[in-house]
PDB file of N, CA and C in Angstrom:
ATOM      1  N   MET A   1       0.840  -1.182   0.000  1.00  0.00           N
ATOM      2  CA  MET A   1       0.000   0.000   0.000  1.00  0.00           C
ATOM      3  C   MET A   1       0.887   1.248   0.000  1.00  0.00           C
ATOM      4  N   ASP A   2       0.532   2.212  -0.819  1.00  0.00           N
ATOM      5  CA  ASP A   2       1.301   3.452  -0.937  1.00  0.00           C
ATOM      6  C   ASP A   2       0.916   4.396   0.199  1.00  0.00           C
ATOM      7  N   PRO A   3       1.867   4.706   1.115  1.00  0.00           N
ATOM      8  CA  PRO A   3       1.526   5.572   2.252  1.00  0.00           C
ATOM      9  C   PRO A   3       1.237   7.015   1.839  1.00  0.00           C
ATOM     10  N   LEU A   4       1.658   7.417   0.636  1.00  0.00           N
ATOM     11  CA  LEU A   4       1.423   8.795   0.190  1.00  0.00           C
ATOM     12  C   LEU A   4       0.194   8.925  -0.706  1.00  0.00           C
ATOM     13  N   LYS A   5      -0.493   7.816  -0.960  1.00  0.00           N
ATOM     14  CA  LYS A   5      -1.680   7.877  -1.813  1.00  0.00           C
ATOM     15  C   LYS A   5      -2.698   8.838  -1.204  1.00  0.00           C
ATOM     16  N   GLY A   6      -3.130   9.790  -2.004  1.00  0.00           N
ATOM     17  CA  GLY A   6      -4.090  10.782  -1.528  1.00  0.00           C
ATOM     18  C   GLY A   6      -3.453  11.960  -0.828  1.00  0.00           C
ATOM     19  N   TYR A   7      -2.123  11.931  -0.645  1.00  0.00           N
ATOM     20  CA  TYR A   7      -1.425  13.044   0.016  1.00  0.00           C
ATOM     21  C   TYR A   7      -1.349  14.242  -0.928  1.00  0.00           C
ATOM     22  N   ARG A   8      -1.579  15.426  -0.375  1.00  0.00           N
ATOM     23  CA  ARG A   8      -1.407  16.677  -1.120  1.00  0.00           C
ATOM     24  C   ARG A   8      -0.539  17.598  -0.291  1.00  0.00           C
ATOM     25  N   HIS A   9       0.419  18.211  -0.949  1.00  0.00           N
ATOM     26  CA  HIS A   9       1.323  19.161  -0.296  1.00  0.00           C
ATOM     27  C   HIS A   9       0.490  20.262   0.360  1.00  0.00           C
ATOM     28  N   PRO A  10       0.850  20.691   1.571  1.00  0.00           N
ATOM     29  CA  PRO A  10       0.078  21.734   2.267  1.00  0.00           C
ATOM     30  C   PRO A  10      -0.081  23.031   1.460  1.00  0.00           C
ATOM     31  N   LYS A  11       0.960  23.428   0.704  1.00  0.00           N
ATOM     32  CA  LYS A  11       0.855  24.641  -0.122  1.00  0.00           C
ATOM     33  C   LYS A  11      -0.185  24.458  -1.220  1.00  0.00           C
ATOM     34  N   LEU A  12      -0.261  23.254  -1.789  1.00  0.00           N
ATOM     35  CA  LEU A  12      -1.260  22.971  -2.816  1.00  0.00           C
ATOM     36  C   LEU A  12      -2.658  23.016  -2.215  1.00  0.00           C
ATOM     37  N   VAL A  13      -2.835  22.422  -1.060  1.00  0.00           N
ATOM     38  CA  VAL A  13      -4.145  22.445  -0.382  1.00  0.00           C
ATOM     39  C   VAL A  13      -4.575  23.884  -0.115  1.00  0.00           C
ATOM     40  N   GLU A  14      -3.643  24.698   0.392  1.00  0.00           N
ATOM     41  CA  GLU A  14      -3.923  26.111   0.670  1.00  0.00           C
ATOM     42  C   GLU A  14      -4.323  26.852  -0.609  1.00  0.00           C
ATOM     43  N   ALA A  15      -3.588  26.613  -1.688  1.00  0.00           N
ATOM     44  CA  ALA A  15      -3.868  27.285  -2.955  1.00  0.00           C
ATOM     45  C   ALA A  15      -5.229  26.868  -3.508  1.00  0.00           C
ATOM     46  N   LEU A  16      -5.558  25.601  -3.402  1.00  0.00           N
ATOM     47  CA  LEU A  16      -6.855  25.115  -3.888  1.00  0.00           C
ATOM     48  C   LEU A  16      -8.007  25.747  -3.109  1.00  0.00           C
ATOM     49  N   GLN A  17      -7.802  25.991  -1.826  1.00  0.00           N
ATOM     50  CA  GLN A  17      -8.832  26.629  -1.008  1.00  0.00           C
ATOM     51  C   GLN A  17      -8.926  28.123  -1.314  1.00  0.00           C
ATOM     52  N   THR A  18      -7.800  28.729  -1.666  1.00  0.00           N
ATOM     53  CA  THR A  18      -7.750  30.165  -1.946  1.00  0.00           C
ATOM     54  C   THR A  18      -8.350  30.503  -3.303  1.00  0.00           C
ATOM     55  N   CYS A  19      -8.213  29.601  -4.254  1.00  0.00           N
ATOM     56  CA  CYS A  19      -8.626  29.850  -5.639  1.00  0.00           C
ATOM     57  C   CYS A  19      -9.621  28.770  -6.082  1.00  0.00           C
ATOM     58  N   PRO A  20     -10.827  28.795  -5.526  1.00  0.00           N
ATOM     59  CA  PRO A  20     -11.789  27.733  -5.822  1.00  0.00           C
ATOM     60  C   PRO A  20     -12.276  27.770  -7.276  1.00  0.00           C
ATOM     61  N   GLY A  21     -12.564  26.587  -7.803  1.00  0.00           N
ATOM     62  CA  GLY A  21     -13.143  26.492  -9.139  1.00  0.00           C
ATOM     63  C   GLY A  21     -12.130  26.578 -10.263  1.00  0.00           C
ATOM     64  N   ASN A  22     -10.845  26.575  -9.936  1.00  0.00           N
ATOM     65  CA  ASN A  22      -9.821  26.695 -10.971  1.00  0.00           C
ATOM     66  C   ASN A  22      -8.690  25.706 -10.686  1.00  0.00           C
ATOM     67  N   GLU A  23      -9.052  24.461 -10.425  1.00  0.00           N
ATOM     68  CA  GLU A  23      -8.098  23.447  -9.960  1.00  0.00           C
ATOM     69  C   GLU A  23      -6.959  23.189 -10.949  1.00  0.00           C
ATOM     70  N   ASP A  24      -7.250  23.140 -12.241  1.00  0.00           N
ATOM     71  CA  ASP A  24      -6.188  22.882 -13.217  1.00  0.00           C
ATOM     72  C   ASP A  24      -5.131  23.983 -13.176  1.00  0.00           C
ATOM     73  N   GLN A  25      -5.564  25.242 -13.152  1.00  0.00           N
ATOM     74  CA  GLN A  25      -4.617  26.362 -13.128  1.00  0.00           C
ATOM     75  C   GLN A  25      -3.836  26.367 -11.818  1.00  0.00           C
ATOM     76  N   VAL A  26      -4.489  26.037 -10.719  1.00  0.00           N
ATOM     77  CA  VAL A  26      -3.803  25.978  -9.421  1.00  0.00           C
ATOM     78  C   VAL A  26      -2.733  24.886  -9.449  1.00  0.00           C
ATOM     79  N   ASN A  27      -3.052  23.740 -10.033  1.00  0.00           N
ATOM     80  CA  ASN A  27      -2.070  22.659 -10.131  1.00  0.00           C
ATOM     81  C   ASN A  27      -0.861  23.083 -10.962  1.00  0.00           C
ATOM     82  N   ILE A  28      -1.096  23.804 -12.042  1.00  0.00           N
ATOM     83  CA  ILE A  28       0.009  24.300 -12.868  1.00  0.00           C
ATOM     84  C   ILE A  28       0.843  25.294 -12.065  1.00  0.00           C
ATOM     85  N   ALA A  29       0.183  26.206 -11.350  1.00  0.00           N
ATOM     86  CA  ALA A  29       0.894  27.182 -10.522  1.00  0.00           C
ATOM     87  C   ALA A  29       1.739  26.474  -9.469  1.00  0.00           C
ATOM     88  N   PHE A  30       1.197  25.428  -8.886  1.00  0.00           N
ATOM     89  CA  PHE A  30       1.936  24.683  -7.869  1.00  0.00           C
ATOM     90  C   PHE A  30       3.168  24.012  -8.477  1.00  0.00           C
ATOM     91  N   GLN A  31       3.036  23.484  -9.687  1.00  0.00           N
ATOM     92  CA  GLN A  31       4.197  22.864 -10.341  1.00  0.00           C
ATOM     93  C   GLN A  31       5.294  23.893 -10.613  1.00  0.00           C
ATOM     94  N   VAL A  32       4.902  25.102 -11.041  1.00  0.00           N
ATOM     95  CA  VAL A  32       5.875  26.176 -11.250  1.00  0.00           C
ATOM     96  C   VAL A  32       6.517  26.541  -9.909  1.00  0.00           C
ATOM     97  N   TYR A  33       5.718  26.649  -8.874  1.00  0.00           N
ATOM     98  CA  TYR A  33       6.203  26.938  -7.520  1.00  0.00           C
ATOM     99  C   TYR A  33       7.250  25.902  -7.093  1.00  0.00           C
ATOM    100  N   MET A  34       6.927  24.621  -7.245  1.00  0.00           N
ATOM    101  CA  MET A  34       7.833  23.552  -6.835  1.00  0.00           C
ATOM    102  C   MET A  34       9.109  23.549  -7.679  1.00  0.00           C
ATOM    103  N   ASP A  35       8.983  23.809  -8.973  1.00  0.00           N
ATOM    104  CA  ASP A  35      10.153  23.855  -9.842  1.00  0.00           C
ATOM    105  C   ASP A  35      11.113  24.954  -9.398  1.00  0.00           C
ATOM    106  N   LEU A  36      10.570  26.120  -9.073  1.00  0.00           N
ATOM    107  CA  LEU A  36      11.413  27.224  -8.617  1.00  0.00           C
ATOM    108  C   LEU A  36      12.051  26.908  -7.260  1.00  0.00           C
ATOM    109  N   CYS A  37      11.294  26.273  -6.370  1.00  0.00           N
ATOM    110  CA  CYS A  37      11.809  25.936  -5.037  1.00  0.00           C
ATOM    111  C   CYS A  37      12.866  24.837  -5.092  1.00  0.00           C
ATOM    112  N   GLU A  38      12.540  23.746  -5.774  1.00  0.00           N
ATOM    113  CA  GLU A  38      13.364  22.552  -5.695  1.00  0.00           C
ATOM    114  C   GLU A  38      14.395  22.423  -6.810  1.00  0.00           C
ATOM    115  N   ALA A  39      13.980  22.604  -8.050  1.00  0.00           N
ATOM    116  CA  ALA A  39      14.898  22.398  -9.177  1.00  0.00           C
ATOM    117  C   ALA A  39      15.785  23.609  -9.422  1.00  0.00           C
ATOM    118  N   LYS A  40      15.211  24.791  -9.320  1.00  0.00           N
ATOM    119  CA  LYS A  40      15.955  26.018  -9.633  1.00  0.00           C
ATOM    120  C   LYS A  40      16.574  26.660  -8.393  1.00  0.00           C
ATOM    121  N   THR A  41      16.140  26.247  -7.217  1.00  0.00           N
ATOM    122  CA  THR A  41      16.596  26.781  -5.919  1.00  0.00           C
ATOM    123  C   THR A  41      16.534  28.309  -5.831  1.00  0.00           C
ATOM    124  N   TRP A  42      15.420  28.876  -6.297  1.00  0.00           N
ATOM    125  CA  TRP A  42      15.196  30.312  -6.152  1.00  0.00           C
ATOM    126  C   TRP A  42      14.830  30.603  -4.699  1.00  0.00           C
ATOM    127  N   ARG A  43      14.889  31.848  -4.319  1.00  0.00           N
ATOM    128  CA  ARG A  43      14.628  32.283  -2.948  1.00  0.00           C
ATOM    129  C   ARG A  43      13.253  32.955  -2.843  1.00  0.00           C
ATOM    130  N   SER A  44      12.713  32.955  -1.653  1.00  0.00           N
ATOM    131  CA  SER A  44      11.460  33.663  -1.343  1.00  0.00           C
ATOM    132  C   SER A  44      10.362  33.359  -2.352  1.00  0.00           C
ATOM    133  N   VAL A  45      10.186  32.085  -2.667  1.00  0.00           N
ATOM    134  CA  VAL A  45       9.165  31.677  -3.634  1.00  0.00           C
ATOM    135  C   VAL A  45       7.807  31.708  -2.941  1.00  0.00           C
ATOM    136  N   GLU A  46       6.848  32.389  -3.576  1.00  0.00           N
ATOM    137  CA  GLU A  46       5.511  32.528  -2.982  1.00  0.00           C
ATOM    138  C   GLU A  46       4.430  32.334  -4.031  1.00  0.00           C
ATOM    139  N   LEU A  47       3.336  31.729  -3.608  1.00  0.00           N
ATOM    140  CA  LEU A  47       2.125  31.632  -4.427  1.00  0.00           C
ATOM    141  C   LEU A  47       1.218  32.793  -4.051  1.00  0.00           C
ATOM    142  N   HIS A  48       0.623  33.418  -5.053  1.00  0.00           N
ATOM    143  CA  HIS A  48      -0.287  34.549  -4.819  1.00  0.00           C
ATOM    144  C   HIS A  48      -1.597  34.285  -5.538  1.00  0.00           C
ATOM    145  N   HIS A  49      -2.671  34.790  -4.974  1.00  0.00           N
ATOM    146  CA  HIS A  49      -3.986  34.684  -5.615  1.00  0.00           C
ATOM    147  C   HIS A  49      -4.376  36.051  -6.166  1.00  0.00           C
ATOM    148  N   CYS A  50      -4.785  36.074  -7.407  1.00  0.00           N
ATOM    149  CA  CYS A  50      -5.329  37.289  -8.010  1.00  0.00           C
ATOM    150  C   CYS A  50      -6.840  37.120  -8.049  1.00  0.00           C
ATOM    151  N   GLU A  51      -7.523  37.813  -7.150  1.00  0.00           N
ATOM    152  CA  GLU A  51      -8.984  37.682  -7.064  1.00  0.00           C
ATOM    153  C   GLU A  51      -9.685  38.143  -8.330  1.00  0.00           C
ATOM    154  N   ALA A  52      -9.191  39.213  -8.937  1.00  0.00           N
ATOM    155  CA  ALA A  52      -9.837  39.769 -10.124  1.00  0.00           C
ATOM    156  C   ALA A  52      -9.866  38.772 -11.274  1.00  0.00           C
ATOM    157  N   LEU A  53      -8.826  37.948 -11.398  1.00  0.00           N
ATOM    158  CA  LEU A  53      -8.743  36.977 -12.488  1.00  0.00           C
ATOM    159  C   LEU A  53      -8.996  35.543 -12.016  1.00  0.00           C
ATOM    160  N   ASN A  54      -9.132  35.354 -10.708  1.00  0.00           N
ATOM    161  CA  ASN A  54      -9.270  34.049 -10.064  1.00  0.00           C
ATOM    162  C   ASN A  54      -8.204  33.068 -10.558  1.00  0.00           C
ATOM    163  N   ILE A  55      -6.948  33.503 -10.453  1.00  0.00           N
ATOM    164  CA  ILE A  55      -5.815  32.651 -10.802  1.00  0.00           C
ATOM    165  C   ILE A  55      -4.747  32.757  -9.718  1.00  0.00           C
ATOM    166  N   MET A  56      -3.882  31.777  -9.708  1.00  0.00           N
ATOM    167  CA  MET A  56      -2.707  31.810  -8.851  1.00  0.00           C
ATOM    168  C   MET A  56      -1.519  32.200  -9.722  1.00  0.00           C
ATOM    169  N   PHE A  57      -0.609  32.982  -9.144  1.00  0.00           N
ATOM    170  CA  PHE A  57       0.648  33.277  -9.824  1.00  0.00           C
ATOM    171  C   PHE A  57       1.764  33.145  -8.804  1.00  0.00           C
ATOM    172  N   VAL A  58       2.991  33.160  -9.274  1.00  0.00           N
ATOM    173  CA  VAL A  58       4.143  32.878  -8.429  1.00  0.00           C
ATOM    174  C   VAL A  58       5.111  34.055  -8.487  1.00  0.00           C
ATOM    175  N   SER A  59       5.736  34.357  -7.355  1.00  0.00           N
ATOM    176  CA  SER A  59       6.830  35.332  -7.354  1.00  0.00           C
ATOM    177  C   SER A  59       8.018  34.695  -6.654  1.00  0.00           C
ATOM    178  N   ALA A  60       9.219  35.135  -7.055  1.00  0.00           N
ATOM    179  CA  ALA A  60      10.433  34.574  -6.464  1.00  0.00           C
ATOM    180  C   ALA A  60      11.611  35.493  -6.748  1.00  0.00           C
ATOM    181  N   ARG A  61      12.678  35.255  -6.016  1.00  0.00           N
ATOM    182  CA  ARG A  61      13.932  35.971  -6.234  1.00  0.00           C
ATOM    183  C   ARG A  61      14.982  34.959  -6.681  1.00  0.00           C
ATOM    184  N   ARG A  62      15.727  35.324  -7.710  1.00  0.00           N
ATOM    185  CA  ARG A  62      16.775  34.438  -8.235  1.00  0.00           C
ATOM    186  C   ARG A  62      17.839  34.164  -7.160  1.00  0.00           C
ATOM    187  N   GLY A  63      18.070  35.134  -6.309  1.00  0.00           N
ATOM    188  CA  GLY A  63      19.042  34.996  -5.223  1.00  0.00           C
ATOM    189  C   GLY A  63      18.796  36.076  -4.189  1.00  0.00           C
ATOM    190  N   GLU A  64      19.499  36.009  -3.077  1.00  0.00           N
ATOM    191  CA  GLU A  64      19.366  37.016  -2.024  1.00  0.00           C
ATOM    192  C   GLU A  64      19.672  38.397  -2.596  1.00  0.00           C
ATOM    193  N   GLY A  65      18.828  39.374  -2.274  1.00  0.00           N
ATOM    194  CA  GLY A  65      19.040  40.741  -2.719  1.00  0.00           C
ATOM    195  C   GLY A  65      18.627  41.007  -4.162  1.00  0.00           C
ATOM    196  N   GLN A  66      18.202  39.981  -4.875  1.00  0.00           N
ATOM    197  CA  GLN A  66      17.763  40.144  -6.256  1.00  0.00           C
ATOM    198  C   GLN A  66      16.320  40.636  -6.276  1.00  0.00           C
ATOM    199  N   PRO A  67      15.911  41.315  -7.339  1.00  0.00           N
ATOM    200  CA  PRO A  67      14.520  41.773  -7.423  1.00  0.00           C
ATOM    201  C   PRO A  67      13.548  40.598  -7.537  1.00  0.00           C
ATOM    202  N   ARG A  68      12.355  40.818  -7.042  1.00  0.00           N
ATOM    203  CA  ARG A  68      11.305  39.800  -7.127  1.00  0.00           C
ATOM    204  C   ARG A  68      10.807  39.730  -8.569  1.00  0.00           C
ATOM    205  N   GLU A  69      10.685  38.507  -9.088  1.00  0.00           N
ATOM    206  CA  GLU A  69      10.175  38.285 -10.433  1.00  0.00           C
ATOM    207  C   GLU A  69       8.812  37.598 -10.342  1.00  0.00           C
ATOM    208  N   VAL A  70       7.960  37.877 -11.312  1.00  0.00           N
ATOM    209  CA  VAL A  70       6.597  37.353 -11.314  1.00  0.00           C
ATOM    210  C   VAL A  70       6.456  36.349 -12.452  1.00  0.00           C
ATOM    211  N   PHE A  71       5.837  35.212 -12.137  1.00  0.00           N
ATOM    212  CA  PHE A  71       5.620  34.137 -13.087  1.00  0.00           C
ATOM    213  C   PHE A  71       4.128  33.888 -13.246  1.00  0.00           C
ATOM    214  N   LEU A  72       3.678  33.844 -14.483  1.00  0.00           N
ATOM    215  CA  LEU A  72       2.284  33.519 -14.783  1.00  0.00           C
ATOM    216  C   LEU A  72       2.235  32.070 -15.246  1.00  0.00           C
ATOM    217  N   PRO A  73       1.748  31.168 -14.406  1.00  0.00           N
ATOM    218  CA  PRO A  73       1.677  29.758 -14.773  1.00  0.00           C
ATOM    219  C   PRO A  73       0.529  29.509 -15.755  1.00  0.00           C
ATOM    220  N   ILE A  74       0.867  28.938 -16.910  1.00  0.00           N
ATOM    221  CA  ILE A  74      -0.159  28.623 -17.900  1.00  0.00           C
ATOM    222  C   ILE A  74       0.132  27.272 -18.535  1.00  0.00           C
ATOM    223  N   ASP A  75      -0.900  26.677 -19.064  1.00  0.00           N
ATOM    224  CA  ASP A  75      -0.793  25.448 -19.839  1.00  0.00           C
ATOM    225  C   ASP A  75      -0.253  25.812 -21.221  1.00  0.00           C
ATOM    226  N   VAL A  76       0.515  24.930 -21.835  1.00  0.00           N
ATOM    227  CA  VAL A  76       1.095  25.241 -23.146  1.00  0.00           C
ATOM    228  C   VAL A  76       0.042  25.462 -24.224  1.00  0.00           C
ATOM    229  N   THR A  77      -1.179  25.031 -23.985  1.00  0.00           N
ATOM    230  CA  THR A  77      -2.237  25.216 -24.984  1.00  0.00           C
ATOM    231  C   THR A  77      -2.982  26.531 -24.809  1.00  0.00           C
ATOM    232  N   THR A  78      -2.642  27.287 -23.781  1.00  0.00           N
ATOM    233  CA  THR A  78      -3.310  28.561 -23.506  1.00  0.00           C
ATOM    234  C   THR A  78      -2.931  29.600 -24.555  1.00  0.00           C
ATOM    235  N   THR A  79      -3.933  30.303 -25.046  1.00  0.00           N
ATOM    236  CA  THR A  79      -3.713  31.389 -25.992  1.00  0.00           C
ATOM    237  C   THR A  79      -3.843  32.709 -25.237  1.00  0.00           C
ATOM    238  N   LEU A  80      -2.846  33.576 -25.398  1.00  0.00           N
ATOM    239  CA  LEU A  80      -2.883  34.891 -24.756  1.00  0.00           C
ATOM    240  C   LEU A  80      -2.796  35.969 -25.830  1.00  0.00           C
ATOM    241  N   SER A  81      -3.741  36.897 -25.812  1.00  0.00           N
ATOM    242  CA  SER A  81      -3.702  38.038 -26.727  1.00  0.00           C
ATOM    243  C   SER A  81      -2.937  39.174 -26.041  1.00  0.00           C
ATOM    244  N   GLN A  82      -2.655  40.223 -26.781  1.00  0.00           N
ATOM    245  CA  GLN A  82      -2.020  41.401 -26.184  1.00  0.00           C
ATOM    246  C   GLN A  82      -2.911  41.981 -25.094  1.00  0.00           C
ATOM    247  N   GLU A  83      -4.203  41.947 -25.322  1.00  0.00           N
ATOM    248  CA  GLU A  83      -5.152  42.450 -24.318  1.00  0.00           C
ATOM    249  C   GLU A  83      -5.097  41.601 -23.054  1.00  0.00           C
ATOM    250  N   ASP A  84      -5.006  40.275 -23.211  1.00  0.00           N
ATOM    251  CA  ASP A  84      -4.891  39.381 -22.047  1.00  0.00           C
ATOM    252  C   ASP A  84      -3.648  39.725 -21.233  1.00  0.00           C
ATOM    253  N   ILE A  85      -2.528  39.899 -21.922  1.00  0.00           N
ATOM    254  CA  ILE A  85      -1.273  40.207 -21.239  1.00  0.00           C
ATOM    255  C   ILE A  85      -1.382  41.554 -20.523  1.00  0.00           C
ATOM    256  N   HIS A  86      -1.992  42.537 -21.177  1.00  0.00           N
ATOM    257  CA  HIS A  86      -2.199  43.847 -20.556  1.00  0.00           C
ATOM    258  C   HIS A  86      -3.053  43.700 -19.289  1.00  0.00           C
ATOM    259  N   THR A  87      -4.100  42.905 -19.363  1.00  0.00           N
ATOM    260  CA  THR A  87      -4.967  42.665 -18.204  1.00  0.00           C
ATOM    261  C   THR A  87      -4.177  42.034 -17.065  1.00  0.00           C
ATOM    262  N   HIS A  88      -3.322  41.075 -17.382  1.00  0.00           N
ATOM    263  CA  HIS A  88      -2.506  40.438 -16.347  1.00  0.00           C
ATOM    264  C   HIS A  88      -1.564  41.452 -15.696  1.00  0.00           C
ATOM    265  N   PHE A  89      -0.959  42.315 -16.497  1.00  0.00           N
ATOM    266  CA  PHE A  89      -0.088  43.343 -15.925  1.00  0.00           C
ATOM    267  C   PHE A  89      -0.856  44.247 -14.973  1.00  0.00           C
ATOM    268  N   GLN A  90      -2.098  44.542 -15.283  1.00  0.00           N
ATOM    269  CA  GLN A  90      -2.914  45.413 -14.420  1.00  0.00           C
ATOM    270  C   GLN A  90      -3.265  44.748 -13.103  1.00  0.00           C
ATOM    271  N   HIS A  91      -3.498  43.432 -13.135  1.00  0.00           N
ATOM    272  CA  HIS A  91      -4.045  42.752 -11.963  1.00  0.00           C
ATOM    273  C   HIS A  91      -3.047  41.947 -11.136  1.00  0.00           C
ATOM    274  N   LEU A  92      -1.903  41.588 -11.695  1.00  0.00           N
ATOM    275  CA  LEU A  92      -0.935  40.801 -10.928  1.00  0.00           C
ATOM    276  C   LEU A  92      -0.071  41.751 -10.105  1.00  0.00           C
ATOM    277  N   VAL A  93      -0.558  42.022  -8.902  1.00  0.00           N
ATOM    278  CA  VAL A  93       0.062  42.988  -8.000  1.00  0.00           C
ATOM    279  C   VAL A  93       0.491  42.252  -6.729  1.00  0.00           C
ATOM    280  N   ILE A  94       1.675  42.585  -6.246  1.00  0.00           N
ATOM    281  CA  ILE A  94       2.162  42.019  -4.988  1.00  0.00           C
ATOM    282  C   ILE A  94       2.225  43.155  -3.988  1.00  0.00           C
ATOM    283  N   GLY A  95       1.378  43.061  -2.968  1.00  0.00           N
ATOM    284  CA  GLY A  95       1.267  44.178  -2.028  1.00  0.00           C
ATOM    285  C   GLY A  95       0.693  45.364  -2.773  1.00  0.00           C
ATOM    286  N   ASP A  96       1.453  46.446  -2.826  1.00  0.00           N
ATOM    287  CA  ASP A  96       1.003  47.614  -3.582  1.00  0.00           C
ATOM    288  C   ASP A  96       1.898  47.858  -4.797  1.00  0.00           C
ATOM    289  N   LYS A  97       2.707  46.856  -5.151  1.00  0.00           N
ATOM    290  CA  LYS A  97       3.657  47.011  -6.259  1.00  0.00           C
ATOM    291  C   LYS A  97       3.111  46.417  -7.547  1.00  0.00           C
ATOM    292  N   GLN A  98       3.049  47.252  -8.559  1.00  0.00           N
ATOM    293  CA  GLN A  98       2.595  46.857  -9.895  1.00  0.00           C
ATOM    294  C   GLN A  98       3.646  45.961 -10.550  1.00  0.00           C
ATOM    295  N   THR A  99       3.197  45.037 -11.364  1.00  0.00           N
ATOM    296  CA  THR A  99       4.094  44.157 -12.113  1.00  0.00           C
ATOM    297  C   THR A  99       4.573  44.872 -13.366  1.00  0.00           C
ATOM    298  N   HIS A 100       5.898  44.890 -13.571  1.00  0.00           N
ATOM    299  CA  HIS A 100       6.467  45.534 -14.756  1.00  0.00           C
ATOM    300  C   HIS A 100       7.093  44.529 -15.720  1.00  0.00           C
ATOM    301  N   SER A 101       7.228  43.306 -15.271  1.00  0.00           N
ATOM    302  CA  SER A 101       7.693  42.238 -16.152  1.00  0.00           C
ATOM    303  C   SER A 101       6.999  40.954 -15.734  1.00  0.00           C
ATOM    304  N   LEU A 102       6.913  40.044 -16.662  1.00  0.00           N
ATOM    305  CA  LEU A 102       6.151  38.824 -16.436  1.00  0.00           C
ATOM    306  C   LEU A 102       6.824  37.694 -17.192  1.00  0.00           C
ATOM    307  N   THR A 103       7.063  36.594 -16.504  1.00  0.00           N
ATOM    308  CA  THR A 103       7.615  35.405 -17.141  1.00  0.00           C
ATOM    309  C   THR A 103       6.510  34.363 -17.210  1.00  0.00           C
ATOM    310  N   LEU A 104       6.323  33.788 -18.379  1.00  0.00           N
ATOM    311  CA  LEU A 104       5.325  32.732 -18.520  1.00  0.00           C
ATOM    312  C   LEU A 104       5.925  31.423 -18.020  1.00  0.00           C
ATOM    313  N   GLY A 105       5.280  30.838 -17.045  1.00  0.00           N
ATOM    314  CA  GLY A 105       5.676  29.524 -16.535  1.00  0.00           C
ATOM    315  C   GLY A 105       4.817  28.495 -17.250  1.00  0.00           C
ATOM    316  N   MET A 106       5.285  28.020 -18.392  1.00  0.00           N
ATOM    317  CA  MET A 106       4.481  27.139 -19.235  1.00  0.00           C
ATOM    318  C   MET A 106       4.704  25.683 -18.839  1.00  0.00           C
ATOM    319  N   LEU A 107       3.599  24.955 -18.783  1.00  0.00           N
ATOM    320  CA  LEU A 107       3.654  23.566 -18.368  1.00  0.00           C
ATOM    321  C   LEU A 107       2.724  22.754 -19.246  1.00  0.00           C
ATOM    322  N   PHE A 108       3.202  21.615 -19.644  1.00  0.00           N
ATOM    323  CA  PHE A 108       2.334  20.684 -20.355  1.00  0.00           C
ATOM    324  C   PHE A 108       1.550  19.949 -19.291  1.00  0.00           C
ATOM    325  N   TRP A 109       0.264  20.191 -19.248  1.00  0.00           N
ATOM    326  CA  TRP A 109      -0.561  19.669 -18.156  1.00  0.00           C
ATOM    327  C   TRP A 109      -1.682  18.812 -18.709  1.00  0.00           C
ATOM    328  N   LEU A 110      -1.743  17.593 -18.235  1.00  0.00           N
ATOM    329  CA  LEU A 110      -2.865  16.720 -18.554  1.00  0.00           C
ATOM    330  C   LEU A 110      -3.684  16.591 -17.288  1.00  0.00           C
ATOM    331  N   ALA A 111      -4.885  17.116 -17.338  1.00  0.00           N
ATOM    332  CA  ALA A 111      -5.764  17.026 -16.165  1.00  0.00           C
ATOM    333  C   ALA A 111      -6.067  15.561 -15.881  1.00  0.00           C
ATOM    334  N   PRO A 112      -6.069  15.187 -14.605  1.00  0.00           N
ATOM    335  CA  PRO A 112      -6.367  13.799 -14.263  1.00  0.00           C
ATOM    336  C   PRO A 112      -7.775  13.407 -14.738  1.00  0.00           C
ATOM    337  N   THR A 113      -7.884  12.212 -15.233  1.00  0.00           N
ATOM    338  CA  THR A 113      -9.206  11.727 -15.665  1.00  0.00           C
ATOM    339  C   THR A 113      -9.858  10.999 -14.511  1.00  0.00           C
ATOM    340  N   VAL A 114     -11.146  11.103 -14.462  1.00  0.00           N
ATOM    341  CA  VAL A 114     -11.893  10.476 -13.365  1.00  0.00           C
ATOM    342  C   VAL A 114     -12.323   9.101 -13.755  1.00  0.00           C
TER     343      VAL A 114
END
């Protein structure tokens, strides 16, 4: 028997509760979060909820003292227009700081089948 069957990382559980009704996007955001934490070893990695767009996004620092960078987690099949990108720039705010650059955290995501 697999002791981890049904286990969900606490950050993923928190994100799913924060951003209801958007489980696929939250899962993609969590994968970007984990990649930055574990594979890339970035610092101060955080998941954020944008209420206006009902999405999760990620911010992190490449190293100590480096500026915070913002990542928009999306599926590789997602289409973004210039207007979409402009909307994201308007709404992806950390504290009171406006986003001036955005990195797409693209992930090939297959939603689990039931």
